[in-house]
Amino acid sequence: MKRHLFLGALILVGLGGYASDLFAADEPALAAFATVQKVFQSPRCQNCHIPGDAPLQFDAGMPHAMAVVRGLDGKGAAGLPCATCHGASNPPASYGPHMPPGAPHWSLPPAAHKMAWIGLPGDRLCQMIKDKASNGDRDFAALIKHVSEDKLVLWGWNPGGNRAPVPVPHEVFVSQFKLWAEAGGPCPAVGS
């Protein structure tokens, strides 16, 4: 163990200023990831990216009423799919502020790929986003397409009712996601 630490230290010393340049090159990408984390851990995203099988609702992330559950495919339980209450778009404002919101293919991630990030520190969230085994087999190009174009993702910026939208403008989020991805998706230090 001591030998490995010694060799690692020698390599860093041998790299000299180059090593600090490598770490400095990640700084803009890590700052971009901070924006990605802020979006992913906002109520609009967290309420569906849950560790259990019951979605959350409202800005406070309260357990969903009526014992709603994920189901294997993420579209609800047999006999009570999400589409029972959630339409393809938000209802008109005249229906009142507490009507179920809607977007195309309203659902949670499937049980096999929950992508649950409530309370995760940045390093673990970063790894989860990039892990194709847990993100639905998406590479960076597919992730960028998902956050840029998916109608359910876009709903977060126009949630209707009295719901707060995602706290970062969509175009800023996408540009920061791309910056982070194009740098290879560096992750923050452990526990940050």
C-alpha atoms as a PDB file:
ATOM      1  CA  MET A   1       0.000   0.000   0.000  1.00  0.00           C
ATOM      2  CA  LYS A   2       2.775   2.440   0.966  1.00  0.00           C
ATOM      3  CA  ARG A   3       4.598   1.590  -2.255  1.00  0.00           C
ATOM      4  CA  HIS A   4       1.510   2.508  -4.340  1.00  0.00           C
ATOM      5  CA  LEU A   5       1.131   5.810  -2.522  1.00  0.00           C
ATOM      6  CA  PHE A   6       4.836   6.545  -3.041  1.00  0.00           C
ATOM      7  CA  LEU A   7       4.590   5.722  -6.766  1.00  0.00           C
ATOM      8  CA  GLY A   8       1.486   7.891  -7.098  1.00  0.00           C
ATOM      9  CA  ALA A   9       3.281  10.788  -5.429  1.00  0.00           C
ATOM     10  CA  LEU A  10       6.273  10.337  -7.768  1.00  0.00           C
ATOM     11  CA  ILE A  11       4.011  10.427 -10.805  1.00  0.00           C
ATOM     12  CA  LEU A  12       2.346  13.643  -9.629  1.00  0.00           C
ATOM     13  CA  VAL A  13       5.738  15.231  -8.892  1.00  0.00           C
ATOM     14  CA  GLY A  14       6.960  14.107 -12.305  1.00  0.00           C
ATOM     15  CA  LEU A  15       3.976  15.700 -13.954  1.00  0.00           C
ATOM     16  CA  GLY A  16       4.778  18.956 -12.186  1.00  0.00           C
ATOM     17  CA  GLY A  17       2.672  21.843 -13.442  1.00  0.00           C
ATOM     18  CA  TYR A  18       1.008  19.564 -15.961  1.00  0.00           C
ATOM     19  CA  ALA A  19      -0.950  17.839 -13.162  1.00  0.00           C
ATOM     20  CA  SER A  20      -2.286  21.161 -11.898  1.00  0.00           C
ATOM     21  CA  ASP A  21      -3.219  22.047 -15.495  1.00  0.00           C
ATOM     22  CA  LEU A  22      -5.193  18.788 -15.716  1.00  0.00           C
ATOM     23  CA  PHE A  23      -7.110  19.589 -12.540  1.00  0.00           C
ATOM     24  CA  ALA A  24      -7.638  23.218 -13.609  1.00  0.00           C
ATOM     25  CA  ALA A  25      -9.049  22.029 -16.940  1.00  0.00           C
ATOM     26  CA  ASP A  26     -11.822  20.254 -15.022  1.00  0.00           C
ATOM     27  CA  GLU A  27     -12.854  23.389 -13.110  1.00  0.00           C
ATOM     28  CA  PRO A  28     -15.296  24.735 -15.755  1.00  0.00           C
ATOM     29  CA  ALA A  29     -16.769  21.257 -16.204  1.00  0.00           C
ATOM     30  CA  LEU A  30     -17.139  20.802 -12.447  1.00  0.00           C
ATOM     31  CA  ALA A  31     -18.835  24.202 -12.203  1.00  0.00           C
ATOM     32  CA  ALA A  32     -21.142  23.087 -15.035  1.00  0.00           C
ATOM     33  CA  PHE A  33     -21.922  19.897 -13.118  1.00  0.00           C
ATOM     34  CA  ALA A  34     -22.972  22.005 -10.121  1.00  0.00           C
ATOM     35  CA  THR A  35     -25.714  23.430 -12.371  1.00  0.00           C
ATOM     36  CA  VAL A  36     -26.667  19.929 -13.526  1.00  0.00           C
ATOM     37  CA  GLN A  37     -26.905  18.816  -9.900  1.00  0.00           C
ATOM     38  CA  LYS A  38     -29.086  21.812  -8.988  1.00  0.00           C
ATOM     39  CA  VAL A  39     -31.533  20.872 -11.746  1.00  0.00           C
ATOM     40  CA  PHE A  40     -31.549  17.123 -11.102  1.00  0.00           C
ATOM     41  CA  GLN A  41     -32.127  17.662  -7.396  1.00  0.00           C
ATOM     42  CA  SER A  42     -34.960  20.171  -7.835  1.00  0.00           C
ATOM     43  CA  PRO A  43     -38.487  19.007  -6.922  1.00  0.00           C
ATOM     44  CA  ARG A  44     -39.506  18.817 -10.580  1.00  0.00           C
ATOM     45  CA  CYS A  45     -36.936  16.070 -11.154  1.00  0.00           C
ATOM     46  CA  GLN A  46     -36.607  14.472  -7.714  1.00  0.00           C
ATOM     47  CA  ASN A  47     -40.310  13.770  -7.320  1.00  0.00           C
ATOM     48  CA  CYS A  48     -40.068  11.076  -9.994  1.00  0.00           C
ATOM     49  CA  HIS A  49     -36.452   9.989  -9.498  1.00  0.00           C
ATOM     50  CA  ILE A  50     -37.127   8.224  -6.229  1.00  0.00           C
ATOM     51  CA  PRO A  51     -35.404   5.375  -4.389  1.00  0.00           C
ATOM     52  CA  GLY A  52     -38.644   3.592  -3.501  1.00  0.00           C
ATOM     53  CA  ASP A  53     -41.699   2.886  -5.601  1.00  0.00           C
ATOM     54  CA  ALA A  54     -44.065   5.684  -4.529  1.00  0.00           C
ATOM     55  CA  PRO A  55     -43.608   8.972  -6.399  1.00  0.00           C
ATOM     56  CA  LEU A  56     -43.554  12.281  -4.592  1.00  0.00           C
ATOM     57  CA  GLN A  57     -45.616  15.369  -5.346  1.00  0.00           C
ATOM     58  CA  PHE A  58     -45.677  19.107  -4.700  1.00  0.00           C
ATOM     59  CA  ASP A  59     -42.640  21.308  -4.210  1.00  0.00           C
ATOM     60  CA  ALA A  60     -42.185  19.824  -0.719  1.00  0.00           C
ATOM     61  CA  GLY A  61     -41.860  16.276  -2.107  1.00  0.00           C
ATOM     62  CA  MET A  62     -44.799  14.801  -0.217  1.00  0.00           C
ATOM     63  CA  PRO A  63     -45.737  11.132  -0.797  1.00  0.00           C
ATOM     64  CA  HIS A  64     -48.152  10.852  -3.721  1.00  0.00           C
ATOM     65  CA  ALA A  65     -51.798  10.577  -2.706  1.00  0.00           C
ATOM     66  CA  MET A  66     -53.922   7.509  -3.447  1.00  0.00           C
ATOM     67  CA  ALA A  67     -51.113   4.991  -2.817  1.00  0.00           C
ATOM     68  CA  VAL A  68     -49.758   5.465  -6.342  1.00  0.00           C
ATOM     69  CA  VAL A  69     -46.796   3.219  -7.193  1.00  0.00           C
ATOM     70  CA  ARG A  70     -44.157   2.967  -9.924  1.00  0.00           C
ATOM     71  CA  GLY A  71     -44.960  -0.419 -11.466  1.00  0.00           C
ATOM     72  CA  LEU A  72     -42.279  -2.403 -13.293  1.00  0.00           C
ATOM     73  CA  ASP A  73     -42.287  -0.214 -16.390  1.00  0.00           C
ATOM     74  CA  GLY A  74     -42.575   3.051 -14.422  1.00  0.00           C
ATOM     75  CA  LYS A  75     -46.068   3.757 -15.745  1.00  0.00           C
ATOM     76  CA  GLY A  76     -47.983   2.832 -12.604  1.00  0.00           C
ATOM     77  CA  ALA A  77     -49.579  -0.253 -11.158  1.00  0.00           C
ATOM     78  CA  ALA A  78     -51.679  -2.603 -13.220  1.00  0.00           C
ATOM     79  CA  GLY A  79     -55.177  -1.143 -13.183  1.00  0.00           C
ATOM     80  CA  LEU A  80     -53.959   2.318 -12.118  1.00  0.00           C
ATOM     81  CA  PRO A  81     -51.537   3.639 -14.734  1.00  0.00           C
ATOM     82  CA  CYS A  82     -50.198   7.188 -14.378  1.00  0.00           C
ATOM     83  CA  ALA A  83     -52.248   8.165 -17.440  1.00  0.00           C
ATOM     84  CA  THR A  84     -55.439   7.580 -15.434  1.00  0.00           C
ATOM     85  CA  CYS A  85     -54.982  11.052 -13.932  1.00  0.00           C
ATOM     86  CA  HIS A  86     -52.056  12.590 -15.827  1.00  0.00           C
ATOM     87  CA  GLY A  87     -52.897  13.633 -19.365  1.00  0.00           C
ATOM     88  CA  ALA A  88     -50.587  14.437 -22.262  1.00  0.00           C
ATOM     89  CA  SER A  89     -50.455  18.119 -21.241  1.00  0.00           C
ATOM     90  CA  ASN A  90     -51.198  20.365 -18.290  1.00  0.00           C
ATOM     91  CA  PRO A  91     -54.906  21.079 -17.900  1.00  0.00           C
ATOM     92  CA  PRO A  92     -56.109  24.652 -18.518  1.00  0.00           C
ATOM     93  CA  ALA A  93     -55.571  27.060 -15.620  1.00  0.00           C
ATOM     94  CA  SER A  94     -59.352  27.423 -15.375  1.00  0.00           C
ATOM     95  CA  TYR A  95     -59.485  23.870 -13.967  1.00  0.00           C
ATOM     96  CA  GLY A  96     -57.792  25.155 -10.789  1.00  0.00           C
ATOM     97  CA  PRO A  97     -54.275  25.003  -9.336  1.00  0.00           C
ATOM     98  CA  HIS A  98     -54.486  21.504  -7.877  1.00  0.00           C
ATOM     99  CA  MET A  99     -55.315  19.481 -10.968  1.00  0.00           C
ATOM    100  CA  PRO A 100     -52.883  16.688 -11.869  1.00  0.00           C
ATOM    101  CA  PRO A 101     -50.257  18.004 -14.271  1.00  0.00           C
ATOM    102  CA  GLY A 102     -49.603  16.347 -17.583  1.00  0.00           C
ATOM    103  CA  ALA A 103     -46.972  15.731 -20.235  1.00  0.00           C
ATOM    104  CA  PRO A 104     -46.481  13.124 -22.953  1.00  0.00           C
ATOM    105  CA  HIS A 105     -45.608   9.668 -21.588  1.00  0.00           C
ATOM    106  CA  TRP A 106     -46.085  10.707 -17.945  1.00  0.00           C
ATOM    107  CA  SER A 107     -44.177   8.100 -15.941  1.00  0.00           C
ATOM    108  CA  LEU A 108     -41.356   7.342 -13.552  1.00  0.00           C
ATOM    109  CA  PRO A 109     -38.126   5.677 -14.601  1.00  0.00           C
ATOM    110  CA  PRO A 110     -38.692   1.908 -14.757  1.00  0.00           C
ATOM    111  CA  ALA A 111     -37.956  -0.181 -11.671  1.00  0.00           C
ATOM    112  CA  ALA A 112     -34.763  -1.565 -13.235  1.00  0.00           C
ATOM    113  CA  HIS A 113     -33.329   1.953 -13.726  1.00  0.00           C
ATOM    114  CA  LYS A 114     -34.794   4.095 -10.934  1.00  0.00           C
ATOM    115  CA  MET A 115     -32.139   6.805 -11.243  1.00  0.00           C
ATOM    116  CA  ALA A 116     -32.906   7.856  -7.670  1.00  0.00           C
ATOM    117  CA  TRP A 117     -30.866  10.861  -6.653  1.00  0.00           C
ATOM    118  CA  ILE A 118     -32.665  12.368  -3.680  1.00  0.00           C
ATOM    119  CA  GLY A 119     -30.054  13.436  -1.157  1.00  0.00           C
ATOM    120  CA  LEU A 120     -27.085  12.062  -3.080  1.00  0.00           C
ATOM    121  CA  PRO A 121     -23.845  14.024  -2.762  1.00  0.00           C
ATOM    122  CA  GLY A 122     -22.499  15.374  -6.051  1.00  0.00           C
ATOM    123  CA  ASP A 123     -19.891  12.663  -6.557  1.00  0.00           C
ATOM    124  CA  ARG A 124     -22.457   9.852  -6.326  1.00  0.00           C
ATOM    125  CA  LEU A 125     -25.029  11.688  -8.458  1.00  0.00           C
ATOM    126  CA  CYS A 126     -22.368  12.274 -11.104  1.00  0.00           C
ATOM    127  CA  GLN A 127     -21.394   8.602 -11.201  1.00  0.00           C
ATOM    128  CA  MET A 128     -25.033   7.504 -11.381  1.00  0.00           C
ATOM    129  CA  ILE A 129     -25.822   9.804 -14.303  1.00  0.00           C
ATOM    130  CA  LYS A 130     -22.892   8.389 -16.280  1.00  0.00           C
ATOM    131  CA  ASP A 131     -23.431   4.723 -15.331  1.00  0.00           C
ATOM    132  CA  LYS A 132     -25.089   3.080 -18.320  1.00  0.00           C
ATOM    133  CA  ALA A 133     -26.116   0.143 -16.114  1.00  0.00           C
ATOM    134  CA  SER A 134     -28.328   2.457 -14.055  1.00  0.00           C
ATOM    135  CA  ASN A 135     -29.275   5.198 -16.553  1.00  0.00           C
ATOM    136  CA  GLY A 136     -31.140   3.128 -19.126  1.00  0.00           C
ATOM    137  CA  ASP A 137     -28.006   2.397 -21.226  1.00  0.00           C
ATOM    138  CA  ARG A 138     -27.514   6.036 -22.268  1.00  0.00           C
ATOM    139  CA  ASP A 139     -24.160   7.424 -23.391  1.00  0.00           C
ATOM    140  CA  PHE A 140     -23.464  11.170 -23.235  1.00  0.00           C
ATOM    141  CA  ALA A 141     -25.090  11.787 -26.645  1.00  0.00           C
ATOM    142  CA  ALA A 142     -28.280  10.007 -25.538  1.00  0.00           C
ATOM    143  CA  LEU A 143     -28.266  11.839 -22.192  1.00  0.00           C
ATOM    144  CA  ILE A 144     -27.948  15.198 -23.946  1.00  0.00           C
ATOM    145  CA  LYS A 145     -30.814  14.298 -26.275  1.00  0.00           C
ATOM    146  CA  HIS A 146     -32.899  13.215 -23.275  1.00  0.00           C
ATOM    147  CA  VAL A 147     -32.401  16.439 -21.295  1.00  0.00           C
ATOM    148  CA  SER A 148     -32.737  18.606 -24.431  1.00  0.00           C
ATOM    149  CA  GLU A 149     -35.778  17.118 -26.139  1.00  0.00           C
ATOM    150  CA  ASP A 150     -37.775  14.709 -23.987  1.00  0.00           C
ATOM    151  CA  LYS A 151     -41.265  16.211 -23.510  1.00  0.00           C
ATOM    152  CA  LEU A 152     -41.585  14.924 -19.952  1.00  0.00           C
ATOM    153  CA  VAL A 153     -38.210  16.454 -19.020  1.00  0.00           C
ATOM    154  CA  LEU A 154     -39.234  19.739 -20.657  1.00  0.00           C
ATOM    155  CA  TRP A 155     -42.412  19.751 -18.555  1.00  0.00           C
ATOM    156  CA  GLY A 156     -40.213  20.648 -15.547  1.00  0.00           C
ATOM    157  CA  TRP A 157     -39.823  24.159 -16.950  1.00  0.00           C
ATOM    158  CA  ASN A 158     -43.581  24.540 -17.489  1.00  0.00           C
ATOM    159  CA  PRO A 159     -45.163  22.539 -14.658  1.00  0.00           C
ATOM    160  CA  GLY A 160     -48.470  24.393 -14.539  1.00  0.00           C
ATOM    161  CA  GLY A 161     -50.603  25.103 -11.514  1.00  0.00           C
ATOM    162  CA  ASN A 162     -48.787  26.681  -8.615  1.00  0.00           C
ATOM    163  CA  ARG A 163     -45.705  24.463  -9.016  1.00  0.00           C
ATOM    164  CA  ALA A 164     -42.264  26.077  -9.117  1.00  0.00           C
ATOM    165  CA  PRO A 165     -40.425  25.351 -12.373  1.00  0.00           C
ATOM    166  CA  VAL A 166     -36.876  24.012 -12.469  1.00  0.00           C
ATOM    167  CA  PRO A 167     -34.727  26.828 -10.994  1.00  0.00           C
ATOM    168  CA  VAL A 168     -32.317  27.119 -13.961  1.00  0.00           C
ATOM    169  CA  PRO A 169     -33.431  28.183 -17.467  1.00  0.00           C
ATOM    170  CA  HIS A 170     -33.553  25.165 -19.779  1.00  0.00           C
ATOM    171  CA  GLU A 171     -31.092  26.559 -22.308  1.00  0.00           C
ATOM    172  CA  VAL A 172     -28.578  27.283 -19.518  1.00  0.00           C
ATOM    173  CA  PHE A 173     -29.024  23.790 -18.115  1.00  0.00           C
ATOM    174  CA  VAL A 174     -28.505  22.138 -21.511  1.00  0.00           C
ATOM    175  CA  SER A 175     -25.415  24.218 -22.265  1.00  0.00           C
ATOM    176  CA  GLN A 176     -23.940  23.349 -18.859  1.00  0.00           C
ATOM    177  CA  PHE A 177     -24.811  19.666 -19.304  1.00  0.00           C
ATOM    178  CA  LYS A 178     -23.048  19.680 -22.687  1.00  0.00           C
ATOM    179  CA  LEU A 179     -19.989  21.449 -21.260  1.00  0.00           C
ATOM    180  CA  TRP A 180     -19.759  18.854 -18.497  1.00  0.00           C
ATOM    181  CA  ALA A 181     -20.308  15.932 -20.910  1.00  0.00           C
ATOM    182  CA  GLU A 182     -17.808  17.225 -23.495  1.00  0.00           C
ATOM    183  CA  ALA A 183     -15.151  17.337 -20.765  1.00  0.00           C
ATOM    184  CA  GLY A 184     -15.728  13.630 -20.145  1.00  0.00           C
ATOM    185  CA  GLY A 185     -18.126  14.108 -17.218  1.00  0.00           C
ATOM    186  CA  PRO A 186     -15.677  14.774 -14.388  1.00  0.00           C
ATOM    187  CA  CYS A 187     -17.144  14.233 -10.944  1.00  0.00           C
ATOM    188  CA  PRO A 188     -16.729  16.389  -7.859  1.00  0.00           C
ATOM    189  CA  ALA A 189     -14.615  15.194  -4.963  1.00  0.00           C
ATOM    190  CA  VAL A 190     -16.058  12.438  -2.789  1.00  0.00           C
ATOM    191  CA  GLY A 191     -18.751  13.696  -0.433  1.00  0.00           C
ATOM    192  CA  SER A 192     -19.297  17.026  -2.193  1.00  0.00           C
END
